Amino acid sequence: MLDKEIKIMHAPVEIAGQVGLISSQLRKYGYRSGAYNFFISYLNYKQTFNTDAFELMEIFENSLEYYDIYHLHNGYSFMDSYKDLELLKQAGKKIIMHHRGNDVRAPERARKGANYENPYVNTEASHDAGKIHSSLQLFAEVADAAIVQDHELYEYVKDYYHARNKKVYILPRLIETEKYIPSYPAATKKPLIVHAPTLPEFKGTEQIEQTIEKLKDSYSFEYVRVEKMSHEEAVAVYKRADIVIDQILCGAYGNLSVEAMALGKPVVCYIRPDIKANLPESLPIVSANPDTLYKELSTLLERSDTFKKLGEAGRAYVERYHEASVVMPFLLDIYKEVLS
């Protein structure tokens, strides 16, 4: 078990509520941990200390005498120049970079790798490819280890870190399942389909909504696009859904899929074949890309009697692989290994 005296700082941005959730879980386990966020959004996640870049610099300077591990997120540190990373090393601190997606999803690597090809992926929201390359070179040199949330991101960063004998850990997304009471869909003549495009181009919202319009010619259903809502407001909509569509371009499932499965909803999301091969066979997500979405949604709409079974399978999957109490021991082991 990780020494209870170890103190962990999470910074400098919140990503899908995961940063604050990890920090709050650490405190639940009896560790001292703070999570800081300088990027405030309408999603209004409540488990980080929201600040700005200037105040965060003051917090950073004062933190050097307190924290042991700096768990950084999404390719950011406290300074645009990354000079703070050298200060942390000089102070004997351990650094972990938790890559979250568009900080490493360079176009060339996202479209094709040694064992995969993805013609659908949209990387317009990603950082500049040159910046991704130089940043990964720097992080691999300075950080003690990296964390990613799935095998998709692992492919983009592993070569950089392994070249310097650094580990890249895969840590699944966390969710507190007790806060998501499942509401399993019943067979219905007019299902509600929900999609939440925080990044429409990345998620494939245009293609999704073109398919939705086409389906209206043959099927009866409602469609709700969730946007510009707080996370709490969005979850209230997900609870009413019969089908939740996550993202159909990237090739891996996102936080929306995890939340929807926790709520007992059938989920549609594109899962790249090589990624699916590395996931548990019990994954109940209906995989669909722009070429297959119409067919997969048609099949679902014709079989509303299967909604509840898919929802139950999703809830069981999340409880087994994403529940915070299941994932956190793996993170504590990562910290312990990095410190050793």
C-alpha atoms as a PDB file:
ATOM      1  CA  MET A   1       0.000   0.000   0.000  1.00  0.00           C
ATOM      2  CA  LEU A   2       1.175   3.529  -0.761  1.00  0.00           C
ATOM      3  CA  ASP A   3       2.552   5.389   2.268  1.00  0.00           C
ATOM      4  CA  LYS A   4      -0.257   7.524   3.734  1.00  0.00           C
ATOM      5  CA  GLU A   5       2.168  10.427   4.138  1.00  0.00           C
ATOM      6  CA  ILE A   6       2.507  10.834   0.369  1.00  0.00           C
ATOM      7  CA  LYS A   7       0.840  14.012  -0.952  1.00  0.00           C
ATOM      8  CA  ILE A   8      -0.401  14.289  -4.533  1.00  0.00           C
ATOM      9  CA  MET A   9      -1.205  17.379  -6.573  1.00  0.00           C
ATOM     10  CA  HIS A  10      -3.438  17.216  -9.657  1.00  0.00           C
ATOM     11  CA  ALA A  11      -3.258  20.079 -12.144  1.00  0.00           C
ATOM     12  CA  PRO A  12      -3.714  22.218 -14.167  1.00  0.00           C
ATOM     13  CA  VAL A  13      -6.965  21.362 -16.031  1.00  0.00           C
ATOM     14  CA  GLU A  14     -10.107  19.363 -15.382  1.00  0.00           C
ATOM     15  CA  ILE A  15     -10.973  16.801 -18.060  1.00  0.00           C
ATOM     16  CA  ALA A  16     -14.493  15.319 -18.038  1.00  0.00           C
ATOM     17  CA  GLY A  17     -14.632  15.418 -14.246  1.00  0.00           C
ATOM     18  CA  GLN A  18     -11.913  12.783 -13.983  1.00  0.00           C
ATOM     19  CA  VAL A  19      -9.234  14.972 -12.385  1.00  0.00           C
ATOM     20  CA  GLY A  20     -11.347  16.119  -9.454  1.00  0.00           C
ATOM     21  CA  LEU A  21     -12.790  12.637  -9.024  1.00  0.00           C
ATOM     22  CA  ILE A  22      -9.353  11.026  -8.725  1.00  0.00           C
ATOM     23  CA  SER A  23      -8.256  13.631  -6.195  1.00  0.00           C
ATOM     24  CA  SER A  24     -11.404  13.258  -4.112  1.00  0.00           C
ATOM     25  CA  GLN A  25     -10.969   9.480  -4.156  1.00  0.00           C
ATOM     26  CA  LEU A  26      -7.415   9.881  -2.906  1.00  0.00           C
ATOM     27  CA  ARG A  27      -8.718  11.920   0.018  1.00  0.00           C
ATOM     28  CA  LYS A  28     -11.310   9.217   0.675  1.00  0.00           C
ATOM     29  CA  TYR A  29      -8.426   6.749   0.918  1.00  0.00           C
ATOM     30  CA  GLY A  30      -6.766   8.991   3.509  1.00  0.00           C
ATOM     31  CA  TYR A  31      -4.215  10.743   1.281  1.00  0.00           C
ATOM     32  CA  ARG A  32      -3.665  14.487   1.030  1.00  0.00           C
ATOM     33  CA  SER A  33      -4.482  15.575  -2.480  1.00  0.00           C
ATOM     34  CA  GLY A  34      -5.522  18.792  -4.204  1.00  0.00           C
ATOM     35  CA  ALA A  35      -6.908  19.238  -7.721  1.00  0.00           C
ATOM     36  CA  TYR A  36      -6.600  22.586  -9.513  1.00  0.00           C
ATOM     37  CA  ASN A  37      -8.203  23.761 -12.735  1.00  0.00           C
ATOM     38  CA  PHE A  38      -7.542  26.965 -14.670  1.00  0.00           C
ATOM     39  CA  PHE A  39      -9.940  26.152 -17.545  1.00  0.00           C
ATOM     40  CA  ILE A  40     -13.477  26.943 -16.401  1.00  0.00           C
ATOM     41  CA  SER A  41     -16.341  25.691 -18.587  1.00  0.00           C
ATOM     42  CA  TYR A  42     -20.126  25.456 -18.584  1.00  0.00           C
ATOM     43  CA  LEU A  43     -19.817  21.787 -17.545  1.00  0.00           C
ATOM     44  CA  ASN A  44     -19.267  23.063 -13.994  1.00  0.00           C
ATOM     45  CA  TYR A  45     -17.497  20.088 -12.476  1.00  0.00           C
ATOM     46  CA  LYS A  46     -17.320  20.650  -8.734  1.00  0.00           C
ATOM     47  CA  GLN A  47     -14.432  18.570  -7.366  1.00  0.00           C
ATOM     48  CA  THR A  48     -11.550  20.800  -8.442  1.00  0.00           C
ATOM     49  CA  PHE A  49     -10.412  24.137  -7.098  1.00  0.00           C
ATOM     50  CA  ASN A  50     -11.161  26.525  -9.960  1.00  0.00           C
ATOM     51  CA  THR A  51      -8.625  29.275 -10.423  1.00  0.00           C
ATOM     52  CA  ASP A  52      -6.809  31.148 -13.182  1.00  0.00           C
ATOM     53  CA  ALA A  53      -3.320  30.853 -14.658  1.00  0.00           C
ATOM     54  CA  PHE A  54      -1.880  33.656 -12.512  1.00  0.00           C
ATOM     55  CA  GLU A  55      -3.194  32.355  -9.207  1.00  0.00           C
ATOM     56  CA  LEU A  56      -2.203  28.831 -10.164  1.00  0.00           C
ATOM     57  CA  MET A  57       1.412  29.980 -10.542  1.00  0.00           C
ATOM     58  CA  GLU A  58       1.339  31.248  -6.951  1.00  0.00           C
ATOM     59  CA  ILE A  59      -0.177  27.963  -5.833  1.00  0.00           C
ATOM     60  CA  PHE A  60       2.550  26.089  -7.697  1.00  0.00           C
ATOM     61  CA  GLU A  61       5.348  28.096  -6.094  1.00  0.00           C
ATOM     62  CA  ASN A  62       3.924  27.467  -2.628  1.00  0.00           C
ATOM     63  CA  SER A  63       3.308  23.804  -3.347  1.00  0.00           C
ATOM     64  CA  LEU A  64       6.938  22.802  -3.761  1.00  0.00           C
ATOM     65  CA  GLU A  65       7.417  22.375  -0.034  1.00  0.00           C
ATOM     66  CA  TYR A  66       4.283  20.270   0.331  1.00  0.00           C
ATOM     67  CA  TYR A  67       3.498  17.827  -2.490  1.00  0.00           C
ATOM     68  CA  ASP A  68       5.510  14.713  -3.397  1.00  0.00           C
ATOM     69  CA  ILE A  69       3.844  13.701  -6.668  1.00  0.00           C
ATOM     70  CA  TYR A  70       2.700  16.082  -9.391  1.00  0.00           C
ATOM     71  CA  HIS A  71       0.061  14.310 -11.460  1.00  0.00           C
ATOM     72  CA  LEU A  72      -0.360  16.546 -14.519  1.00  0.00           C
ATOM     73  CA  HIS A  73      -3.083  16.239 -17.122  1.00  0.00           C
ATOM     74  CA  ASN A  74      -3.681  16.651 -20.853  1.00  0.00           C
ATOM     75  CA  GLY A  75      -0.180  17.719 -21.854  1.00  0.00           C
ATOM     76  CA  TYR A  76      -0.164  20.835 -19.675  1.00  0.00           C
ATOM     77  CA  SER A  77       1.978  22.010 -16.806  1.00  0.00           C
ATOM     78  CA  PHE A  78       1.960  25.253 -14.814  1.00  0.00           C
ATOM     79  CA  MET A  79       3.998  27.262 -17.341  1.00  0.00           C
ATOM     80  CA  ASP A  80       3.571  27.525 -21.108  1.00  0.00           C
ATOM     81  CA  SER A  81       7.344  27.169 -21.419  1.00  0.00           C
ATOM     82  CA  TYR A  82       7.352  23.962 -19.295  1.00  0.00           C
ATOM     83  CA  LYS A  83      10.212  25.425 -17.232  1.00  0.00           C
ATOM     84  CA  ASP A  84       8.326  24.337 -14.127  1.00  0.00           C
ATOM     85  CA  LEU A  85       9.062  20.713 -15.017  1.00  0.00           C
ATOM     86  CA  GLU A  86      12.764  21.317 -14.481  1.00  0.00           C
ATOM     87  CA  LEU A  87      12.000  23.085 -11.196  1.00  0.00           C
ATOM     88  CA  LEU A  88      10.047  20.044 -10.078  1.00  0.00           C
ATOM     89  CA  LYS A  89      12.898  17.709 -11.001  1.00  0.00           C
ATOM     90  CA  GLN A  90      15.405  19.890  -9.185  1.00  0.00           C
ATOM     91  CA  ALA A  91      13.171  19.781  -6.111  1.00  0.00           C
ATOM     92  CA  GLY A  92      13.146  15.981  -6.237  1.00  0.00           C
ATOM     93  CA  LYS A  93       9.453  15.688  -7.080  1.00  0.00           C
ATOM     94  CA  LYS A  94       7.918  12.847  -9.039  1.00  0.00           C
ATOM     95  CA  ILE A  95       6.076  13.814 -12.236  1.00  0.00           C
ATOM     96  CA  ILE A  96       3.373  11.821 -13.981  1.00  0.00           C
ATOM     97  CA  MET A  97       1.840  13.068 -17.221  1.00  0.00           C
ATOM     98  CA  HIS A  98      -1.697  11.803 -17.765  1.00  0.00           C
ATOM     99  CA  HIS A  99      -2.394  12.098 -21.481  1.00  0.00           C
ATOM    100  CA  ARG A 100      -6.083  12.594 -22.143  1.00  0.00           C
ATOM    101  CA  GLY A 101      -6.635  12.646 -25.908  1.00  0.00           C
ATOM    102  CA  ASN A 102      -6.201  15.661 -28.128  1.00  0.00           C
ATOM    103  CA  ASP A 103      -2.868  16.454 -26.490  1.00  0.00           C
ATOM    104  CA  VAL A 104      -1.393  13.374 -28.246  1.00  0.00           C
ATOM    105  CA  ARG A 105      -3.791  12.426 -31.041  1.00  0.00           C
ATOM    106  CA  ALA A 106      -1.642  13.537 -33.981  1.00  0.00           C
ATOM    107  CA  PRO A 107      -3.294  13.101 -37.419  1.00  0.00           C
ATOM    108  CA  GLU A 108      -0.829  10.635 -38.916  1.00  0.00           C
ATOM    109  CA  ARG A 109      -0.753   8.304 -35.912  1.00  0.00           C
ATOM    110  CA  ALA A 110      -4.523   8.550 -35.402  1.00  0.00           C
ATOM    111  CA  ARG A 111      -5.212   7.447 -38.974  1.00  0.00           C
ATOM    112  CA  LYS A 112      -2.753   4.597 -39.246  1.00  0.00           C
ATOM    113  CA  GLY A 113      -0.463   2.535 -37.053  1.00  0.00           C
ATOM    114  CA  ALA A 114       1.340  -0.776 -37.154  1.00  0.00           C
ATOM    115  CA  ASN A 115      -1.816  -2.786 -36.439  1.00  0.00           C
ATOM    116  CA  TYR A 116      -4.691  -0.419 -37.168  1.00  0.00           C
ATOM    117  CA  GLU A 117      -6.171   2.001 -39.673  1.00  0.00           C
ATOM    118  CA  ASN A 118      -8.930   4.544 -39.058  1.00  0.00           C
ATOM    119  CA  PRO A 119     -10.226   6.549 -42.039  1.00  0.00           C
ATOM    120  CA  TYR A 120     -12.914   8.237 -39.919  1.00  0.00           C
ATOM    121  CA  VAL A 121     -10.959   9.977 -37.153  1.00  0.00           C
ATOM    122  CA  ASN A 122     -11.112  13.778 -36.994  1.00  0.00           C
ATOM    123  CA  THR A 123      -8.097  15.465 -35.365  1.00  0.00           C
ATOM    124  CA  GLU A 124      -9.022  19.108 -35.969  1.00  0.00           C
ATOM    125  CA  ALA A 125      -9.376  19.647 -32.214  1.00  0.00           C
ATOM    126  CA  SER A 126      -5.951  18.155 -31.513  1.00  0.00           C
ATOM    127  CA  HIS A 127      -2.883  20.191 -30.706  1.00  0.00           C
ATOM    128  CA  ASP A 128      -0.596  21.003 -33.625  1.00  0.00           C
ATOM    129  CA  ALA A 129       1.244  17.858 -34.784  1.00  0.00           C
ATOM    130  CA  GLY A 130       4.632  19.517 -34.356  1.00  0.00           C
ATOM    131  CA  LYS A 131       3.752  20.609 -30.842  1.00  0.00           C
ATOM    132  CA  ILE A 132       2.527  17.124 -29.977  1.00  0.00           C
ATOM    133  CA  HIS A 133       5.838  15.651 -31.119  1.00  0.00           C
ATOM    134  CA  SER A 134       8.024  18.136 -29.256  1.00  0.00           C
ATOM    135  CA  SER A 135       5.864  17.986 -26.122  1.00  0.00           C
ATOM    136  CA  LEU A 136       5.966  14.196 -26.026  1.00  0.00           C
ATOM    137  CA  GLN A 137       9.731  14.269 -26.425  1.00  0.00           C
ATOM    138  CA  LEU A 138       9.965  16.644 -23.469  1.00  0.00           C
ATOM    139  CA  PHE A 139       7.504  14.766 -21.245  1.00  0.00           C
ATOM    140  CA  ALA A 140       9.176  11.458 -21.970  1.00  0.00           C
ATOM    141  CA  GLU A 141      12.503  12.983 -20.935  1.00  0.00           C
ATOM    142  CA  VAL A 142      11.349  14.768 -17.788  1.00  0.00           C
ATOM    143  CA  ALA A 143       8.347  12.843 -16.450  1.00  0.00           C
ATOM    144  CA  ASP A 144       8.815   9.688 -14.424  1.00  0.00           C
ATOM    145  CA  ALA A 145       5.918   7.907 -16.129  1.00  0.00           C
ATOM    146  CA  ALA A 146       2.839   8.435 -18.257  1.00  0.00           C
ATOM    147  CA  ILE A 147      -0.774   7.361 -17.865  1.00  0.00           C
ATOM    148  CA  VAL A 148      -3.380   6.961 -20.596  1.00  0.00           C
ATOM    149  CA  GLN A 149      -7.019   5.918 -20.351  1.00  0.00           C
ATOM    150  CA  ASP A 150      -7.120   3.294 -23.103  1.00  0.00           C
ATOM    151  CA  HIS A 151      -5.245   1.462 -25.848  1.00  0.00           C
ATOM    152  CA  GLU A 152      -6.029   4.129 -28.441  1.00  0.00           C
ATOM    153  CA  LEU A 153      -3.912   6.724 -26.635  1.00  0.00           C
ATOM    154  CA  TYR A 154      -1.304   4.148 -25.662  1.00  0.00           C
ATOM    155  CA  GLU A 155      -0.340   3.722 -29.322  1.00  0.00           C
ATOM    156  CA  TYR A 156       0.409   7.448 -29.697  1.00  0.00           C
ATOM    157  CA  VAL A 157       2.731   7.822 -26.705  1.00  0.00           C
ATOM    158  CA  LYS A 158       4.396   4.462 -26.017  1.00  0.00           C
ATOM    159  CA  ASP A 159       7.350   4.879 -28.401  1.00  0.00           C
ATOM    160  CA  TYR A 160       8.369   8.192 -26.843  1.00  0.00           C
ATOM    161  CA  TYR A 161       8.418   6.898 -23.272  1.00  0.00           C
ATOM    162  CA  HIS A 162       9.726   3.399 -23.965  1.00  0.00           C
ATOM    163  CA  ALA A 163      12.689   4.875 -25.839  1.00  0.00           C
ATOM    164  CA  ARG A 164      13.708   6.404 -22.499  1.00  0.00           C
ATOM    165  CA  ASN A 165      12.843   3.332 -20.438  1.00  0.00           C
ATOM    166  CA  LYS A 166       9.780   5.015 -18.965  1.00  0.00           C
ATOM    167  CA  LYS A 167       6.507   3.185 -18.350  1.00  0.00           C
ATOM    168  CA  VAL A 168       3.133   4.043 -19.854  1.00  0.00           C
ATOM    169  CA  TYR A 169       0.275   2.796 -17.693  1.00  0.00           C
ATOM    170  CA  ILE A 170      -3.297   2.248 -18.871  1.00  0.00           C
ATOM    171  CA  LEU A 171      -5.738   3.412 -16.209  1.00  0.00           C
ATOM    172  CA  PRO A 172      -9.444   3.154 -17.101  1.00  0.00           C
ATOM    173  CA  ARG A 173     -11.775   6.085 -16.532  1.00  0.00           C
ATOM    174  CA  LEU A 174     -13.337   6.213 -13.087  1.00  0.00           C
ATOM    175  CA  ILE A 175     -16.964   6.580 -12.097  1.00  0.00           C
ATOM    176  CA  GLU A 176     -18.749   6.476  -8.736  1.00  0.00           C
ATOM    177  CA  THR A 177     -21.483   4.057  -9.695  1.00  0.00           C
ATOM    178  CA  GLU A 178     -23.494   4.706  -6.531  1.00  0.00           C
ATOM    179  CA  LYS A 179     -24.161   8.222  -7.833  1.00  0.00           C
ATOM    180  CA  TYR A 180     -25.629   6.840 -11.093  1.00  0.00           C
ATOM    181  CA  ILE A 181     -28.842   4.988 -10.303  1.00  0.00           C
ATOM    182  CA  PRO A 182     -29.654   2.885 -13.382  1.00  0.00           C
ATOM    183  CA  SER A 183     -32.867   3.602 -15.240  1.00  0.00           C
ATOM    184  CA  TYR A 184     -33.222   0.740 -17.671  1.00  0.00           C
ATOM    185  CA  PRO A 185     -35.215   1.431 -20.838  1.00  0.00           C
ATOM    186  CA  ALA A 186     -38.418  -0.465 -21.428  1.00  0.00           C
ATOM    187  CA  ALA A 187     -39.707  -1.589 -24.811  1.00  0.00           C
ATOM    188  CA  THR A 188     -41.277   1.502 -26.360  1.00  0.00           C
ATOM    189  CA  LYS A 189     -42.852   2.597 -29.616  1.00  0.00           C
ATOM    190  CA  LYS A 190     -41.062   5.971 -29.556  1.00  0.00           C
ATOM    191  CA  PRO A 191     -37.539   5.701 -28.099  1.00  0.00           C
ATOM    192  CA  LEU A 192     -35.480   8.726 -27.102  1.00  0.00           C
ATOM    193  CA  ILE A 193     -32.051   8.904 -28.733  1.00  0.00           C
ATOM    194  CA  VAL A 194     -29.527  11.218 -27.054  1.00  0.00           C
ATOM    195  CA  HIS A 195     -26.179  12.533 -28.268  1.00  0.00           C
ATOM    196  CA  ALA A 196     -23.889  14.962 -26.397  1.00  0.00           C
ATOM    197  CA  PRO A 197     -21.302  16.642 -28.642  1.00  0.00           C
ATOM    198  CA  THR A 198     -18.796  18.504 -26.471  1.00  0.00           C
ATOM    199  CA  LEU A 199     -16.577  18.459 -29.603  1.00  0.00           C
ATOM    200  CA  PRO A 200     -18.940  17.975 -32.578  1.00  0.00           C
ATOM    201  CA  GLU A 201     -16.262  17.545 -35.263  1.00  0.00           C
ATOM    202  CA  PHE A 202     -14.373  15.031 -33.144  1.00  0.00           C
ATOM    203  CA  LYS A 203     -17.460  13.038 -32.161  1.00  0.00           C
ATOM    204  CA  GLY A 204     -18.974  12.935 -35.638  1.00  0.00           C
ATOM    205  CA  THR A 205     -22.087  14.918 -34.777  1.00  0.00           C
ATOM    206  CA  GLU A 206     -22.739  15.979 -38.371  1.00  0.00           C
ATOM    207  CA  GLN A 207     -22.715  12.385 -39.604  1.00  0.00           C
ATOM    208  CA  ILE A 208     -24.804  11.272 -36.623  1.00  0.00           C
ATOM    209  CA  GLU A 209     -27.481  13.878 -37.254  1.00  0.00           C
ATOM    210  CA  GLN A 210     -27.547  13.175 -40.998  1.00  0.00           C
ATOM    211  CA  THR A 211     -28.248   9.542 -40.128  1.00  0.00           C
ATOM    212  CA  ILE A 212     -30.900  10.571 -37.603  1.00  0.00           C
ATOM    213  CA  GLU A 213     -32.707  12.569 -40.285  1.00  0.00           C
ATOM    214  CA  LYS A 214     -32.577   9.637 -42.667  1.00  0.00           C
ATOM    215  CA  LEU A 215     -33.962   7.281 -40.015  1.00  0.00           C
ATOM    216  CA  LYS A 216     -36.962   9.543 -39.436  1.00  0.00           C
ATOM    217  CA  ASP A 217     -38.347   8.423 -42.801  1.00  0.00           C
ATOM    218  CA  SER A 218     -38.804   4.883 -41.509  1.00  0.00           C
ATOM    219  CA  TYR A 219     -38.868   4.960 -37.706  1.00  0.00           C
ATOM    220  CA  SER A 220     -40.654   6.773 -34.903  1.00  0.00           C
ATOM    221  CA  PHE A 221     -38.352   8.189 -32.223  1.00  0.00           C
ATOM    222  CA  GLU A 222     -37.286  11.405 -30.499  1.00  0.00           C
ATOM    223  CA  TYR A 223     -33.821  12.891 -30.721  1.00  0.00           C
ATOM    224  CA  VAL A 224     -32.162  15.247 -28.220  1.00  0.00           C
ATOM    225  CA  ARG A 225     -28.807  16.927 -28.724  1.00  0.00           C
ATOM    226  CA  VAL A 226     -27.316  17.759 -25.320  1.00  0.00           C
ATOM    227  CA  GLU A 227     -25.074  20.831 -25.345  1.00  0.00           C
ATOM    228  CA  LYS A 228     -24.228  23.912 -23.297  1.00  0.00           C
ATOM    229  CA  MET A 229     -25.538  22.212 -20.159  1.00  0.00           C
ATOM    230  CA  SER A 230     -23.795  21.662 -16.862  1.00  0.00           C
ATOM    231  CA  HIS A 231     -22.741  18.086 -16.246  1.00  0.00           C
ATOM    232  CA  GLU A 232     -25.548  17.693 -13.719  1.00  0.00           C
ATOM    233  CA  GLU A 233     -28.155  18.920 -16.209  1.00  0.00           C
ATOM    234  CA  ALA A 234     -26.780  16.650 -18.938  1.00  0.00           C
ATOM    235  CA  VAL A 235     -26.937  13.551 -16.727  1.00  0.00           C
ATOM    236  CA  ALA A 236     -30.613  14.297 -16.064  1.00  0.00           C
ATOM    237  CA  VAL A 237     -31.223  14.037 -19.825  1.00  0.00           C
ATOM    238  CA  TYR A 238     -29.181  10.832 -20.133  1.00  0.00           C
ATOM    239  CA  LYS A 239     -31.429   9.272 -17.481  1.00  0.00           C
ATOM    240  CA  ARG A 240     -34.432   9.672 -19.792  1.00  0.00           C
ATOM    241  CA  ALA A 241     -32.695   8.211 -22.848  1.00  0.00           C
ATOM    242  CA  ASP A 242     -33.385   4.859 -24.465  1.00  0.00           C
ATOM    243  CA  ILE A 243     -30.260   4.966 -26.668  1.00  0.00           C
ATOM    244  CA  VAL A 244     -27.127   7.077 -26.171  1.00  0.00           C
ATOM    245  CA  ILE A 245     -24.789   7.790 -29.077  1.00  0.00           C
ATOM    246  CA  ASP A 246     -21.262   8.733 -28.000  1.00  0.00           C
ATOM    247  CA  GLN A 247     -18.610   9.156 -30.738  1.00  0.00           C
ATOM    248  CA  ILE A 248     -18.386   7.431 -34.119  1.00  0.00           C
ATOM    249  CA  LEU A 249     -15.019   8.601 -35.498  1.00  0.00           C
ATOM    250  CA  CYS A 250     -12.305   8.196 -32.879  1.00  0.00           C
ATOM    251  CA  GLY A 251     -12.405   4.434 -32.459  1.00  0.00           C
ATOM    252  CA  ALA A 252     -12.590   4.316 -28.653  1.00  0.00           C
ATOM    253  CA  TYR A 253     -15.367   5.020 -26.172  1.00  0.00           C
ATOM    254  CA  GLY A 254     -15.408   8.160 -24.066  1.00  0.00           C
ATOM    255  CA  ASN A 255     -16.698   9.355 -20.720  1.00  0.00           C
ATOM    256  CA  LEU A 256     -20.246   9.654 -22.060  1.00  0.00           C
ATOM    257  CA  SER A 257     -20.267   5.928 -22.823  1.00  0.00           C
ATOM    258  CA  VAL A 258     -19.201   5.131 -19.264  1.00  0.00           C
ATOM    259  CA  GLU A 259     -21.861   7.372 -17.740  1.00  0.00           C
ATOM    260  CA  ALA A 260     -24.573   6.067 -20.068  1.00  0.00           C
ATOM    261  CA  MET A 261     -23.698   2.441 -19.294  1.00  0.00           C
ATOM    262  CA  ALA A 262     -23.721   3.248 -15.574  1.00  0.00           C
ATOM    263  CA  LEU A 263     -27.264   4.574 -16.061  1.00  0.00           C
ATOM    264  CA  GLY A 264     -28.252   1.350 -17.786  1.00  0.00           C
ATOM    265  CA  LYS A 265     -28.520   2.680 -21.338  1.00  0.00           C
ATOM    266  CA  PRO A 266     -27.647   0.980 -24.641  1.00  0.00           C
ATOM    267  CA  VAL A 267     -24.619   2.810 -26.071  1.00  0.00           C
ATOM    268  CA  VAL A 268     -23.588   3.288 -29.693  1.00  0.00           C
ATOM    269  CA  CYS A 269     -19.949   4.200 -30.292  1.00  0.00           C
ATOM    270  CA  TYR A 270     -17.273   3.242 -32.796  1.00  0.00           C
ATOM    271  CA  ILE A 271     -14.738   0.787 -31.337  1.00  0.00           C
ATOM    272  CA  ARG A 272     -11.706   0.264 -33.556  1.00  0.00           C
ATOM    273  CA  PRO A 273     -11.168  -3.504 -34.113  1.00  0.00           C
ATOM    274  CA  ASP A 274      -7.649  -3.531 -32.642  1.00  0.00           C
ATOM    275  CA  ILE A 275      -8.887  -1.703 -29.551  1.00  0.00           C
ATOM    276  CA  LYS A 276     -11.839  -4.061 -29.150  1.00  0.00           C
ATOM    277  CA  ALA A 277      -9.378  -6.969 -29.173  1.00  0.00           C
ATOM    278  CA  ASN A 278      -7.743  -5.488 -26.049  1.00  0.00           C
ATOM    279  CA  LEU A 279     -11.007  -4.922 -24.181  1.00  0.00           C
ATOM    280  CA  PRO A 280     -13.037  -7.439 -22.171  1.00  0.00           C
ATOM    281  CA  GLU A 281     -15.339  -9.566 -24.301  1.00  0.00           C
ATOM    282  CA  SER A 282     -18.254  -8.429 -22.153  1.00  0.00           C
ATOM    283  CA  LEU A 283     -18.143  -4.874 -23.564  1.00  0.00           C
ATOM    284  CA  PRO A 284     -21.783  -4.338 -24.635  1.00  0.00           C
ATOM    285  CA  ILE A 285     -21.308  -1.175 -26.724  1.00  0.00           C
ATOM    286  CA  VAL A 286     -22.831  -1.338 -30.202  1.00  0.00           C
ATOM    287  CA  SER A 287     -19.932  -0.388 -32.469  1.00  0.00           C
ATOM    288  CA  ALA A 288     -20.852   1.882 -35.381  1.00  0.00           C
ATOM    289  CA  ASN A 289     -18.902   4.181 -37.675  1.00  0.00           C
ATOM    290  CA  PRO A 290     -20.337   6.577 -40.297  1.00  0.00           C
ATOM    291  CA  ASP A 291     -20.645   3.715 -42.789  1.00  0.00           C
ATOM    292  CA  THR A 292     -22.551   1.394 -40.432  1.00  0.00           C
ATOM    293  CA  LEU A 293     -24.462   3.771 -38.161  1.00  0.00           C
ATOM    294  CA  TYR A 294     -27.740   3.635 -40.112  1.00  0.00           C
ATOM    295  CA  LYS A 295     -27.763  -0.164 -40.069  1.00  0.00           C
ATOM    296  CA  GLU A 296     -26.888  -0.452 -36.373  1.00  0.00           C
ATOM    297  CA  LEU A 297     -29.447   2.139 -35.263  1.00  0.00           C
ATOM    298  CA  SER A 298     -32.104   0.548 -37.467  1.00  0.00           C
ATOM    299  CA  THR A 299     -31.473  -2.807 -35.831  1.00  0.00           C
ATOM    300  CA  LEU A 300     -31.757  -1.259 -32.372  1.00  0.00           C
ATOM    301  CA  LEU A 301     -34.940   0.635 -33.189  1.00  0.00           C
ATOM    302  CA  GLU A 302     -36.528  -2.547 -34.498  1.00  0.00           C
ATOM    303  CA  ARG A 303     -35.621  -4.406 -31.302  1.00  0.00           C
ATOM    304  CA  SER A 304     -36.597  -2.161 -28.427  1.00  0.00           C
ATOM    305  CA  ASP A 305     -37.133  -5.331 -26.399  1.00  0.00           C
ATOM    306  CA  THR A 306     -33.315  -5.667 -26.267  1.00  0.00           C
ATOM    307  CA  PHE A 307     -32.732  -2.225 -24.678  1.00  0.00           C
ATOM    308  CA  LYS A 308     -33.029  -3.438 -21.099  1.00  0.00           C
ATOM    309  CA  LYS A 309     -30.659  -6.381 -21.636  1.00  0.00           C
ATOM    310  CA  LEU A 310     -28.043  -4.099 -23.207  1.00  0.00           C
ATOM    311  CA  GLY A 311     -28.499  -1.602 -20.385  1.00  0.00           C
ATOM    312  CA  GLU A 312     -28.008  -4.275 -17.735  1.00  0.00           C
ATOM    313  CA  ALA A 313     -24.890  -5.531 -19.471  1.00  0.00           C
ATOM    314  CA  GLY A 314     -23.522  -1.975 -19.602  1.00  0.00           C
ATOM    315  CA  ARG A 315     -24.133  -1.398 -15.920  1.00  0.00           C
ATOM    316  CA  ALA A 316     -22.394  -4.677 -15.041  1.00  0.00           C
ATOM    317  CA  TYR A 317     -19.445  -3.768 -17.273  1.00  0.00           C
ATOM    318  CA  VAL A 318     -18.968  -0.386 -15.632  1.00  0.00           C
ATOM    319  CA  GLU A 319     -19.234  -1.851 -12.137  1.00  0.00           C
ATOM    320  CA  ARG A 320     -16.524  -4.352 -12.983  1.00  0.00           C
ATOM    321  CA  TYR A 321     -14.075  -2.179 -14.931  1.00  0.00           C
ATOM    322  CA  HIS A 322     -14.736   1.525 -14.225  1.00  0.00           C
ATOM    323  CA  GLU A 323     -16.046   1.727 -10.665  1.00  0.00           C
ATOM    324  CA  ALA A 324     -13.746   4.056  -8.696  1.00  0.00           C
ATOM    325  CA  SER A 325     -13.154   1.538  -5.905  1.00  0.00           C
ATOM    326  CA  VAL A 326     -11.946  -0.955  -8.535  1.00  0.00           C
ATOM    327  CA  VAL A 327      -9.686   1.460 -10.433  1.00  0.00           C
ATOM    328  CA  MET A 328      -8.114   3.398  -7.552  1.00  0.00           C
ATOM    329  CA  PRO A 329      -5.959   0.525  -6.206  1.00  0.00           C
ATOM    330  CA  PHE A 330      -4.279   0.384  -9.630  1.00  0.00           C
ATOM    331  CA  LEU A 331      -3.491   4.095  -9.419  1.00  0.00           C
ATOM    332  CA  LEU A 332      -2.054   3.688  -5.922  1.00  0.00           C
ATOM    333  CA  ASP A 333       0.188   0.916  -7.265  1.00  0.00           C
ATOM    334  CA  ILE A 334       1.347   3.245 -10.050  1.00  0.00           C
ATOM    335  CA  TYR A 335       2.260   5.912  -7.518  1.00  0.00           C
ATOM    336  CA  LYS A 336       4.109   3.376  -5.390  1.00  0.00           C
ATOM    337  CA  GLU A 337       6.085   2.092  -8.371  1.00  0.00           C
ATOM    338  CA  VAL A 338       6.962   5.606  -9.542  1.00  0.00           C
ATOM    339  CA  LEU A 339       8.184   6.545  -6.070  1.00  0.00           C
ATOM    340  CA  SER A 340      10.352   3.432  -5.867  1.00  0.00           C
END
